[in-house]
Amino acid sequence: MGTFNYIWTPGSLPSSWKDATVVPIAKSGKDSTDPANYRPISLPSCICRTLKRMINDRLVWFSESNSLLTNFQCGFRQGRSTIDHLVQLESSKGLN
């Protein structure tokens, strides 16, 4: 934990943490001999992924506990889904 806080304060990551391995994945149903038919997947270091997860968890907690997000924001929130908007739209049709 101390290492992450030490890095967080000045706001700079060690350069080795910024490196990622890029793996090309072939698109299904496409010609695998054409380089345009691949999509890149980057695999960052485990330590960088751990730091990223910690930062995301803290930001989500802060945003939710301080009511910084509107109730209309459903995507990418725990216990909510973009389908919630579709259900609300469908049920509001009967009110008109």
PDB file of N, CA and C in Angstrom:
ATOM      1  N   MET A   1       0.830  -1.192   0.000  1.00  0.00           N
ATOM      2  CA  MET A   1       0.000   0.000   0.000  1.00  0.00           C
ATOM      3  C   MET A   1       0.868   1.247   0.000  1.00  0.00           C
ATOM      4  N   GLY A   2       1.965   1.243   0.709  1.00  0.00           N
ATOM      5  CA  GLY A   2       2.831   2.405   0.770  1.00  0.00           C
ATOM      6  C   GLY A   2       3.392   2.784  -0.587  1.00  0.00           C
ATOM      7  N   THR A   3       3.711   1.786  -1.404  1.00  0.00           N
ATOM      8  CA  THR A   3       4.258   2.048  -2.738  1.00  0.00           C
ATOM      9  C   THR A   3       3.253   2.792  -3.591  1.00  0.00           C
ATOM     10  N   PHE A   4       1.998   2.373  -3.556  1.00  0.00           N
ATOM     11  CA  PHE A   4       0.972   3.040  -4.361  1.00  0.00           C
ATOM     12  C   PHE A   4       0.768   4.482  -3.909  1.00  0.00           C
ATOM     13  N   ASN A   5       0.762   4.721  -2.609  1.00  0.00           N
ATOM     14  CA  ASN A   5       0.609   6.097  -2.106  1.00  0.00           C
ATOM     15  C   ASN A   5       1.820   6.947  -2.466  1.00  0.00           C
ATOM     16  N   TYR A   6       2.995   6.358  -2.446  1.00  0.00           N
ATOM     17  CA  TYR A   6       4.216   7.070  -2.818  1.00  0.00           C
ATOM     18  C   TYR A   6       4.165   7.494  -4.292  1.00  0.00           C
ATOM     19  N   ILE A   7       3.616   6.642  -5.131  1.00  0.00           N
ATOM     20  CA  ILE A   7       3.476   6.953  -6.555  1.00  0.00           C
ATOM     21  C   ILE A   7       2.348   7.943  -6.780  1.00  0.00           C
ATOM     22  N   TRP A   8       1.267   7.827  -6.012  1.00  0.00           N
ATOM     23  CA  TRP A   8       0.086   8.687  -6.184  1.00  0.00           C
ATOM     24  C   TRP A   8       0.407  10.154  -5.913  1.00  0.00           C
ATOM     25  N   THR A   9       1.203  10.446  -4.904  1.00  0.00           N
ATOM     26  CA  THR A   9       1.467  11.824  -4.502  1.00  0.00           C
ATOM     27  C   THR A   9       2.093  12.666  -5.613  1.00  0.00           C
ATOM     28  N   PRO A  10       3.208  12.252  -6.236  1.00  0.00           N
ATOM     29  CA  PRO A  10       3.742  13.078  -7.319  1.00  0.00           C
ATOM     30  C   PRO A  10       2.996  12.884  -8.641  1.00  0.00           C
ATOM     31  N   GLY A  11       2.218  11.809  -8.754  1.00  0.00           N
ATOM     32  CA  GLY A  11       1.420  11.576  -9.948  1.00  0.00           C
ATOM     33  C   GLY A  11       2.188  11.048 -11.140  1.00  0.00           C
ATOM     34  N   SER A  12       3.294  10.351 -10.896  1.00  0.00           N
ATOM     35  CA  SER A  12       4.035   9.787 -12.031  1.00  0.00           C
ATOM     36  C   SER A  12       4.302   8.301 -11.788  1.00  0.00           C
ATOM     37  N   LEU A  13       4.041   7.518 -12.809  1.00  0.00           N
ATOM     38  CA  LEU A  13       4.279   6.081 -12.750  1.00  0.00           C
ATOM     39  C   LEU A  13       5.691   5.759 -13.203  1.00  0.00           C
ATOM     40  N   PRO A  14       6.271   4.713 -12.661  1.00  0.00           N
ATOM     41  CA  PRO A  14       7.540   4.237 -13.220  1.00  0.00           C
ATOM     42  C   PRO A  14       7.320   3.858 -14.686  1.00  0.00           C
ATOM     43  N   SER A  15       8.270   4.160 -15.527  1.00  0.00           N
ATOM     44  CA  SER A  15       8.105   3.920 -16.967  1.00  0.00           C
ATOM     45  C   SER A  15       7.863   2.441 -17.283  1.00  0.00           C
ATOM     46  N   SER A  16       8.426   1.541 -16.481  1.00  0.00           N
ATOM     47  CA  SER A  16       8.228   0.113 -16.743  1.00  0.00           C
ATOM     48  C   SER A  16       6.764  -0.298 -16.530  1.00  0.00           C
ATOM     49  N   TRP A  17       6.024   0.432 -15.709  1.00  0.00           N
ATOM     50  CA  TRP A  17       4.621   0.121 -15.475  1.00  0.00           C
ATOM     51  C   TRP A  17       3.758   0.527 -16.665  1.00  0.00           C
ATOM     52  N   LYS A  18       4.263   1.440 -17.481  1.00  0.00           N
ATOM     53  CA  LYS A  18       3.501   1.930 -18.633  1.00  0.00           C
ATOM     54  C   LYS A  18       3.600   1.002 -19.833  1.00  0.00           C
ATOM     55  N   ASP A  19       4.527   0.053 -19.788  1.00  0.00           N
ATOM     56  CA  ASP A  19       4.689  -0.896 -20.885  1.00  0.00           C
ATOM     57  C   ASP A  19       3.559  -1.914 -20.865  1.00  0.00           C
ATOM     58  N   ALA A  20       3.156  -2.327 -22.040  1.00  0.00           N
ATOM     59  CA  ALA A  20       2.119  -3.351 -22.164  1.00  0.00           C
ATOM     60  C   ALA A  20       2.491  -4.276 -23.312  1.00  0.00           C
ATOM     61  N   THR A  21       2.051  -5.490 -23.200  1.00  0.00           N
ATOM     62  CA  THR A  21       2.217  -6.446 -24.281  1.00  0.00           C
ATOM     63  C   THR A  21       0.973  -6.371 -25.155  1.00  0.00           C
ATOM     64  N   VAL A  22       1.162  -6.161 -26.445  1.00  0.00           N
ATOM     65  CA  VAL A  22       0.032  -6.077 -27.373  1.00  0.00           C
ATOM     66  C   VAL A  22      -0.073  -7.404 -28.117  1.00  0.00           C
ATOM     67  N   VAL A  23      -1.260  -7.998 -28.028  1.00  0.00           N
ATOM     68  CA  VAL A  23      -1.517  -9.289 -28.659  1.00  0.00           C
ATOM     69  C   VAL A  23      -2.575  -9.086 -29.742  1.00  0.00           C
ATOM     70  N   PRO A  24      -2.280  -9.445 -30.988  1.00  0.00           N
ATOM     71  CA  PRO A  24      -3.295  -9.317 -32.040  1.00  0.00           C
ATOM     72  C   PRO A  24      -4.261 -10.504 -32.001  1.00  0.00           C
ATOM     73  N   ILE A  25      -5.527 -10.217 -32.008  1.00  0.00           N
ATOM     74  CA  ILE A  25      -6.566 -11.244 -32.008  1.00  0.00           C
ATOM     75  C   ILE A  25      -7.323 -11.146 -33.336  1.00  0.00           C
ATOM     76  N   ALA A  26      -7.413 -12.257 -34.057  1.00  0.00           N
ATOM     77  CA  ALA A  26      -8.102 -12.269 -35.347  1.00  0.00           C
ATOM     78  C   ALA A  26      -9.604 -12.097 -35.149  1.00  0.00           C
ATOM     79  N   LYS A  27     -10.224 -11.288 -36.010  1.00  0.00           N
ATOM     80  CA  LYS A  27     -11.676 -11.112 -35.988  1.00  0.00           C
ATOM     81  C   LYS A  27     -12.307 -12.369 -36.576  1.00  0.00           C
ATOM     82  N   SER A  28     -13.377 -12.820 -35.947  1.00  0.00           N
ATOM     83  CA  SER A  28     -14.011 -14.053 -36.417  1.00  0.00           C
ATOM     84  C   SER A  28     -14.665 -13.840 -37.776  1.00  0.00           C
ATOM     85  N   GLY A  29     -14.536 -14.845 -38.610  1.00  0.00           N
ATOM     86  CA  GLY A  29     -15.145 -14.807 -39.921  1.00  0.00           C
ATOM     87  C   GLY A  29     -14.422 -13.940 -40.935  1.00  0.00           C
ATOM     88  N   LYS A  30     -13.227 -13.453 -40.597  1.00  0.00           N
ATOM     89  CA  LYS A  30     -12.461 -12.599 -41.504  1.00  0.00           C
ATOM     90  C   LYS A  30     -11.210 -13.342 -41.975  1.00  0.00           C
ATOM     91  N   ASP A  31     -10.636 -12.849 -43.052  1.00  0.00           N
ATOM     92  CA  ASP A  31      -9.418 -13.427 -43.611  1.00  0.00           C
ATOM     93  C   ASP A  31      -8.245 -13.145 -42.678  1.00  0.00           C
ATOM     94  N   SER A  32      -7.666 -14.196 -42.103  1.00  0.00           N
ATOM     95  CA  SER A  32      -6.592 -14.025 -41.123  1.00  0.00           C
ATOM     96  C   SER A  32      -5.261 -13.630 -41.756  1.00  0.00           C
ATOM     97  N   THR A  33      -5.170 -13.632 -43.081  1.00  0.00           N
ATOM     98  CA  THR A  33      -3.926 -13.201 -43.724  1.00  0.00           C
ATOM     99  C   THR A  33      -3.874 -11.685 -43.912  1.00  0.00           C
ATOM    100  N   ASP A  34      -5.002 -11.001 -43.707  1.00  0.00           N
ATOM    101  CA  ASP A  34      -5.060  -9.550 -43.846  1.00  0.00           C
ATOM    102  C   ASP A  34      -4.848  -8.913 -42.465  1.00  0.00           C
ATOM    103  N   PRO A  35      -3.781  -8.127 -42.283  1.00  0.00           N
ATOM    104  CA  PRO A  35      -3.512  -7.503 -40.982  1.00  0.00           C
ATOM    105  C   PRO A  35      -4.641  -6.587 -40.492  1.00  0.00           C
ATOM    106  N   ALA A  36      -5.458  -6.060 -41.413  1.00  0.00           N
ATOM    107  CA  ALA A  36      -6.568  -5.188 -41.015  1.00  0.00           C
ATOM    108  C   ALA A  36      -7.666  -5.962 -40.291  1.00  0.00           C
ATOM    109  N   ASN A  37      -7.633  -7.284 -40.369  1.00  0.00           N
ATOM    110  CA  ASN A  37      -8.665  -8.111 -39.750  1.00  0.00           C
ATOM    111  C   ASN A  37      -8.266  -8.607 -38.357  1.00  0.00           C
ATOM    112  N   TYR A  38      -7.405  -7.862 -37.712  1.00  0.00           N
ATOM    113  CA  TYR A  38      -7.002  -8.178 -36.344  1.00  0.00           C
ATOM    114  C   TYR A  38      -7.326  -6.999 -35.442  1.00  0.00           C
ATOM    115  N   ARG A  39      -7.633  -7.296 -34.203  1.00  0.00           N
ATOM    116  CA  ARG A  39      -7.832  -6.233 -33.223  1.00  0.00           C
ATOM    117  C   ARG A  39      -6.780  -6.393 -32.132  1.00  0.00           C
ATOM    118  N   PRO A  40      -6.179  -5.296 -31.725  1.00  0.00           N
ATOM    119  CA  PRO A  40      -5.134  -5.389 -30.707  1.00  0.00           C
ATOM    120  C   PRO A  40      -5.718  -5.447 -29.292  1.00  0.00           C
ATOM    121  N   ILE A  41      -5.139  -6.275 -28.480  1.00  0.00           N
ATOM    122  CA  ILE A  41      -5.485  -6.353 -27.065  1.00  0.00           C
ATOM    123  C   ILE A  41      -4.202  -6.029 -26.296  1.00  0.00           C
ATOM    124  N   SER A  42      -4.270  -5.020 -25.430  1.00  0.00           N
ATOM    125  CA  SER A  42      -3.063  -4.696 -24.656  1.00  0.00           C
ATOM    126  C   SER A  42      -3.161  -5.331 -23.277  1.00  0.00           C
ATOM    127  N   LEU A  43      -2.065  -5.897 -22.851  1.00  0.00           N
ATOM    128  CA  LEU A  43      -1.977  -6.540 -21.546  1.00  0.00           C
ATOM    129  C   LEU A  43      -0.961  -5.778 -20.698  1.00  0.00           C
ATOM    130  N   PRO A  44      -1.449  -4.850 -19.855  1.00  0.00           N
ATOM    131  CA  PRO A  44      -0.525  -4.101 -19.006  1.00  0.00           C
ATOM    132  C   PRO A  44       0.004  -4.979 -17.874  1.00  0.00           C
ATOM    133  N   SER A  45       0.997  -4.479 -17.170  1.00  0.00           N
ATOM    134  CA  SER A  45       1.574  -5.245 -16.065  1.00  0.00           C
ATOM    135  C   SER A  45       0.546  -5.420 -14.949  1.00  0.00           C
ATOM    136  N   CYS A  46       0.683  -6.484 -14.188  1.00  0.00           N
ATOM    137  CA  CYS A  46      -0.252  -6.768 -13.096  1.00  0.00           C
ATOM    138  C   CYS A  46      -0.258  -5.660 -12.056  1.00  0.00           C
ATOM    139  N   ILE A  47       0.900  -5.102 -11.778  1.00  0.00           N
ATOM    140  CA  ILE A  47       0.990  -4.046 -10.767  1.00  0.00           C
ATOM    141  C   ILE A  47       0.259  -2.787 -11.234  1.00  0.00           C
ATOM    142  N   CYS A  48       0.356  -2.480 -12.522  1.00  0.00           N
ATOM    143  CA  CYS A  48      -0.347  -1.324 -13.078  1.00  0.00           C
ATOM    144  C   CYS A  48      -1.854  -1.567 -13.075  1.00  0.00           C
ATOM    145  N   ARG A  49      -2.273  -2.777 -13.395  1.00  0.00           N
ATOM    146  CA  ARG A  49      -3.698  -3.111 -13.361  1.00  0.00           C
ATOM    147  C   ARG A  49      -4.251  -3.012 -11.948  1.00  0.00           C
ATOM    148  N   THR A  50      -3.453  -3.415 -10.955  1.00  0.00           N
ATOM    149  CA  THR A  50      -3.882  -3.325  -9.556  1.00  0.00           C
ATOM    150  C   THR A  50      -4.073  -1.870  -9.152  1.00  0.00           C
ATOM    151  N   LEU A  51      -3.130  -1.008  -9.515  1.00  0.00           N
ATOM    152  CA  LEU A  51      -3.247   0.415  -9.199  1.00  0.00           C
ATOM    153  C   LEU A  51      -4.465   1.015  -9.892  1.00  0.00           C
ATOM    154  N   LYS A  52      -4.670   0.668 -11.141  1.00  0.00           N
ATOM    155  CA  LYS A  52      -5.822   1.170 -11.897  1.00  0.00           C
ATOM    156  C   LYS A  52      -7.129   0.759 -11.221  1.00  0.00           C
ATOM    157  N   ARG A  53      -7.201  -0.477 -10.776  1.00  0.00           N
ATOM    158  CA  ARG A  53      -8.406  -0.970 -10.101  1.00  0.00           C
ATOM    159  C   ARG A  53      -8.644  -0.225  -8.792  1.00  0.00           C
ATOM    160  N   MET A  54      -7.577   0.027  -8.039  1.00  0.00           N
ATOM    161  CA  MET A  54      -7.710   0.760  -6.779  1.00  0.00           C
ATOM    162  C   MET A  54      -8.222   2.180  -7.024  1.00  0.00           C
ATOM    163  N   ILE A  55      -7.669   2.842  -8.022  1.00  0.00           N
ATOM    164  CA  ILE A  55      -8.096   4.210  -8.341  1.00  0.00           C
ATOM    165  C   ILE A  55      -9.553   4.217  -8.773  1.00  0.00           C
ATOM    166  N   ASN A  56      -9.930   3.276  -9.643  1.00  0.00           N
ATOM    167  CA  ASN A  56     -11.320   3.208 -10.095  1.00  0.00           C
ATOM    168  C   ASN A  56     -12.270   2.964  -8.931  1.00  0.00           C
ATOM    169  N   ASP A  57     -11.930   2.039  -8.045  1.00  0.00           N
ATOM    170  CA  ASP A  57     -12.786   1.747  -6.894  1.00  0.00           C
ATOM    171  C   ASP A  57     -12.952   2.971  -6.005  1.00  0.00           C
ATOM    172  N   ARG A  58     -11.881   3.720  -5.794  1.00  0.00           N
ATOM    173  CA  ARG A  58     -11.963   4.934  -4.975  1.00  0.00           C
ATOM    174  C   ARG A  58     -12.833   6.000  -5.636  1.00  0.00           C
ATOM    175  N   LEU A  59     -12.678   6.169  -6.954  1.00  0.00           N
ATOM    176  CA  LEU A  59     -13.482   7.164  -7.670  1.00  0.00           C
ATOM    177  C   LEU A  59     -14.964   6.799  -7.666  1.00  0.00           C
ATOM    178  N   VAL A  60     -15.264   5.533  -7.868  1.00  0.00           N
ATOM    179  CA  VAL A  60     -16.662   5.086  -7.840  1.00  0.00           C
ATOM    180  C   VAL A  60     -17.246   5.304  -6.455  1.00  0.00           C
ATOM    181  N   TRP A  61     -16.518   4.907  -5.414  1.00  0.00           N
ATOM    182  CA  TRP A  61     -17.008   5.095  -4.046  1.00  0.00           C
ATOM    183  C   TRP A  61     -17.258   6.570  -3.763  1.00  0.00           C
ATOM    184  N   PHE A  62     -16.310   7.429  -4.112  1.00  0.00           N
ATOM    185  CA  PHE A  62     -16.448   8.866  -3.854  1.00  0.00           C
ATOM    186  C   PHE A  62     -17.640   9.441  -4.608  1.00  0.00           C
ATOM    187  N   SER A  63     -17.780   9.077  -5.876  1.00  0.00           N
ATOM    188  CA  SER A  63     -18.886   9.591  -6.688  1.00  0.00           C
ATOM    189  C   SER A  63     -20.238   9.150  -6.145  1.00  0.00           C
ATOM    190  N   GLU A  64     -20.342   7.880  -5.766  1.00  0.00           N
ATOM    191  CA  GLU A  64     -21.610   7.363  -5.249  1.00  0.00           C
ATOM    192  C   GLU A  64     -21.926   7.930  -3.862  1.00  0.00           C
ATOM    193  N   SER A  65     -20.935   7.985  -2.983  1.00  0.00           N
ATOM    194  CA  SER A  65     -21.206   8.443  -1.616  1.00  0.00           C
ATOM    195  C   SER A  65     -21.471   9.946  -1.533  1.00  0.00           C
ATOM    196  N   ASN A  66     -21.028  10.709  -2.517  1.00  0.00           N
ATOM    197  CA  ASN A  66     -21.283  12.150  -2.533  1.00  0.00           C
ATOM    198  C   ASN A  66     -22.356  12.549  -3.544  1.00  0.00           C
ATOM    199  N   SER A  67     -23.087  11.570  -4.051  1.00  0.00           N
ATOM    200  CA  SER A  67     -24.194  11.792  -4.992  1.00  0.00           C
ATOM    201  C   SER A  67     -23.791  12.700  -6.145  1.00  0.00           C
ATOM    202  N   LEU A  68     -22.640  12.431  -6.752  1.00  0.00           N
ATOM    203  CA  LEU A  68     -22.155  13.251  -7.859  1.00  0.00           C
ATOM    204  C   LEU A  68     -22.746  12.842  -9.204  1.00  0.00           C
ATOM    205  N   LEU A  69     -23.356  11.668  -9.254  1.00  0.00           N
ATOM    206  CA  LEU A  69     -23.944  11.189 -10.497  1.00  0.00           C
ATOM    207  C   LEU A  69     -25.459  11.328 -10.431  1.00  0.00           C
ATOM    208  N   THR A  70     -26.041  11.741 -11.528  1.00  0.00           N
ATOM    209  CA  THR A  70     -27.493  11.864 -11.595  1.00  0.00           C
ATOM    210  C   THR A  70     -28.142  10.485 -11.601  1.00  0.00           C
ATOM    211  N   ASN A  71     -29.392  10.419 -11.193  1.00  0.00           N
ATOM    212  CA  ASN A  71     -30.109   9.139 -11.217  1.00  0.00           C
ATOM    213  C   ASN A  71     -30.341   8.646 -12.637  1.00  0.00           C
ATOM    214  N   PHE A  72     -30.201   9.528 -13.611  1.00  0.00           N
ATOM    215  CA  PHE A  72     -30.367   9.129 -15.003  1.00  0.00           C
ATOM    216  C   PHE A  72     -29.141   8.394 -15.544  1.00  0.00           C
ATOM    217  N   GLN A  73     -28.024   8.433 -14.809  1.00  0.00           N
ATOM    218  CA  GLN A  73     -26.821   7.701 -15.220  1.00  0.00           C
ATOM    219  C   GLN A  73     -26.952   6.270 -14.726  1.00  0.00           C
ATOM    220  N   CYS A  74     -27.199   5.344 -15.632  1.00  0.00           N
ATOM    221  CA  CYS A  74     -27.371   3.944 -15.240  1.00  0.00           C
ATOM    222  C   CYS A  74     -26.242   3.055 -15.738  1.00  0.00           C
ATOM    223  N   GLY A  75     -25.675   3.361 -16.896  1.00  0.00           N
ATOM    224  CA  GLY A  75     -24.612   2.530 -17.434  1.00  0.00           C
ATOM    225  C   GLY A  75     -23.359   2.599 -16.577  1.00  0.00           C
ATOM    226  N   PHE A  76     -22.687   1.490 -16.422  1.00  0.00           N
ATOM    227  CA  PHE A  76     -21.429   1.384 -15.679  1.00  0.00           C
ATOM    228  C   PHE A  76     -21.582   1.699 -14.194  1.00  0.00           C
ATOM    229  N   ARG A  77     -22.773   1.455 -13.648  1.00  0.00           N
ATOM    230  CA  ARG A  77     -22.985   1.630 -12.208  1.00  0.00           C
ATOM    231  C   ARG A  77     -23.509   0.319 -11.642  1.00  0.00           C
ATOM    232  N   GLN A  78     -23.019  -0.031 -10.460  1.00  0.00           N
ATOM    233  CA  GLN A  78     -23.421  -1.286  -9.839  1.00  0.00           C
ATOM    234  C   GLN A  78     -24.910  -1.263  -9.511  1.00  0.00           C
ATOM    235  N   GLY A  79     -25.584  -2.348  -9.844  1.00  0.00           N
ATOM    236  CA  GLY A  79     -27.006  -2.456  -9.572  1.00  0.00           C
ATOM    237  C   GLY A  79     -27.885  -1.726 -10.575  1.00  0.00           C
ATOM    238  N   ARG A  80     -27.283  -1.165 -11.606  1.00  0.00           N
ATOM    239  CA  ARG A  80     -28.036  -0.448 -12.636  1.00  0.00           C
ATOM    240  C   ARG A  80     -27.578  -0.934 -14.002  1.00  0.00           C
ATOM    241  N   SER A  81     -28.396  -0.649 -14.991  1.00  0.00           N
ATOM    242  CA  SER A  81     -28.067  -1.084 -16.343  1.00  0.00           C
ATOM    243  C   SER A  81     -28.679  -0.110 -17.340  1.00  0.00           C
ATOM    244  N   THR A  82     -28.139  -0.082 -18.523  1.00  0.00           N
ATOM    245  CA  THR A  82     -28.733   0.760 -19.558  1.00  0.00           C
ATOM    246  C   THR A  82     -30.121   0.248 -19.926  1.00  0.00           C
ATOM    247  N   ILE A  83     -30.407  -0.996 -19.600  1.00  0.00           N
ATOM    248  CA  ILE A  83     -31.739  -1.557 -19.843  1.00  0.00           C
ATOM    249  C   ILE A  83     -32.775  -0.849 -18.969  1.00  0.00           C
ATOM    250  N   ASP A  84     -32.355  -0.317 -17.828  1.00  0.00           N
ATOM    251  CA  ASP A  84     -33.277   0.426 -16.963  1.00  0.00           C
ATOM    252  C   ASP A  84     -33.971   1.547 -17.730  1.00  0.00           C
ATOM    253  N   HIS A  85     -33.231   2.228 -18.601  1.00  0.00           N
ATOM    254  CA  HIS A  85     -33.823   3.304 -19.393  1.00  0.00           C
ATOM    255  C   HIS A  85     -34.843   2.763 -20.385  1.00  0.00           C
ATOM    256  N   LEU A  86     -34.558   1.623 -20.973  1.00  0.00           N
ATOM    257  CA  LEU A  86     -35.496   1.025 -21.916  1.00  0.00           C
ATOM    258  C   LEU A  86     -36.789   0.616 -21.216  1.00  0.00           C
ATOM    259  N   VAL A  87     -36.675   0.063 -20.030  1.00  0.00           N
ATOM    260  CA  VAL A  87     -37.857  -0.335 -19.264  1.00  0.00           C
ATOM    261  C   VAL A  87     -38.665   0.906 -18.901  1.00  0.00           C
ATOM    262  N   GLN A  88     -37.976   1.959 -18.473  1.00  0.00           N
ATOM    263  CA  GLN A  88     -38.669   3.197 -18.105  1.00  0.00           C
ATOM    264  C   GLN A  88     -39.372   3.803 -19.321  1.00  0.00           C
ATOM    265  N   LEU A  89     -38.718   3.785 -20.469  1.00  0.00           N
ATOM    266  CA  LEU A  89     -39.314   4.310 -21.695  1.00  0.00           C
ATOM    267  C   LEU A  89     -40.536   3.491 -22.097  1.00  0.00           C
ATOM    268  N   GLU A  90     -40.435   2.188 -22.016  1.00  0.00           N
ATOM    269  CA  GLU A  90     -41.548   1.317 -22.393  1.00  0.00           C
ATOM    270  C   GLU A  90     -42.738   1.517 -21.448  1.00  0.00           C
ATOM    271  N   SER A  91     -42.480   1.650 -20.162  1.00  0.00           N
ATOM    272  CA  SER A  91     -43.589   1.815 -19.222  1.00  0.00           C
ATOM    273  C   SER A  91     -44.189   3.224 -19.307  1.00  0.00           C
ATOM    274  N   SER A  92     -43.421   4.202 -19.751  1.00  0.00           N
ATOM    275  CA  SER A  92     -43.976   5.551 -19.881  1.00  0.00           C
ATOM    276  C   SER A  92     -44.858   5.696 -21.114  1.00  0.00           C
ATOM    277  N   LYS A  93     -44.731   4.779 -22.069  1.00  0.00           N
ATOM    278  CA  LYS A  93     -45.576   4.813 -23.268  1.00  0.00           C
ATOM    279  C   LYS A  93     -47.047   4.681 -22.895  1.00  0.00           C
ATOM    280  N   GLY A  94     -47.343   3.858 -21.900  1.00  0.00           N
ATOM    281  CA  GLY A  94     -48.723   3.631 -21.493  1.00  0.00           C
ATOM    282  C   GLY A  94     -49.337   4.818 -20.776  1.00  0.00           C
ATOM    283  N   LEU A  95     -48.500   5.761 -20.310  1.00  0.00           N
ATOM    284  CA  LEU A  95     -49.010   6.915 -19.575  1.00  0.00           C
ATOM    285  C   LEU A  95     -49.530   8.006 -20.500  1.00  0.00           C
ATOM    286  N   ASN A  96     -49.148   7.992 -21.758  1.00  0.00           N
ATOM    287  CA  ASN A  96     -49.576   9.061 -22.683  1.00  0.00           C
ATOM    288  C   ASN A  96     -50.919   8.824 -23.240  1.00  0.00           C
TER     289      ASN A  96
END
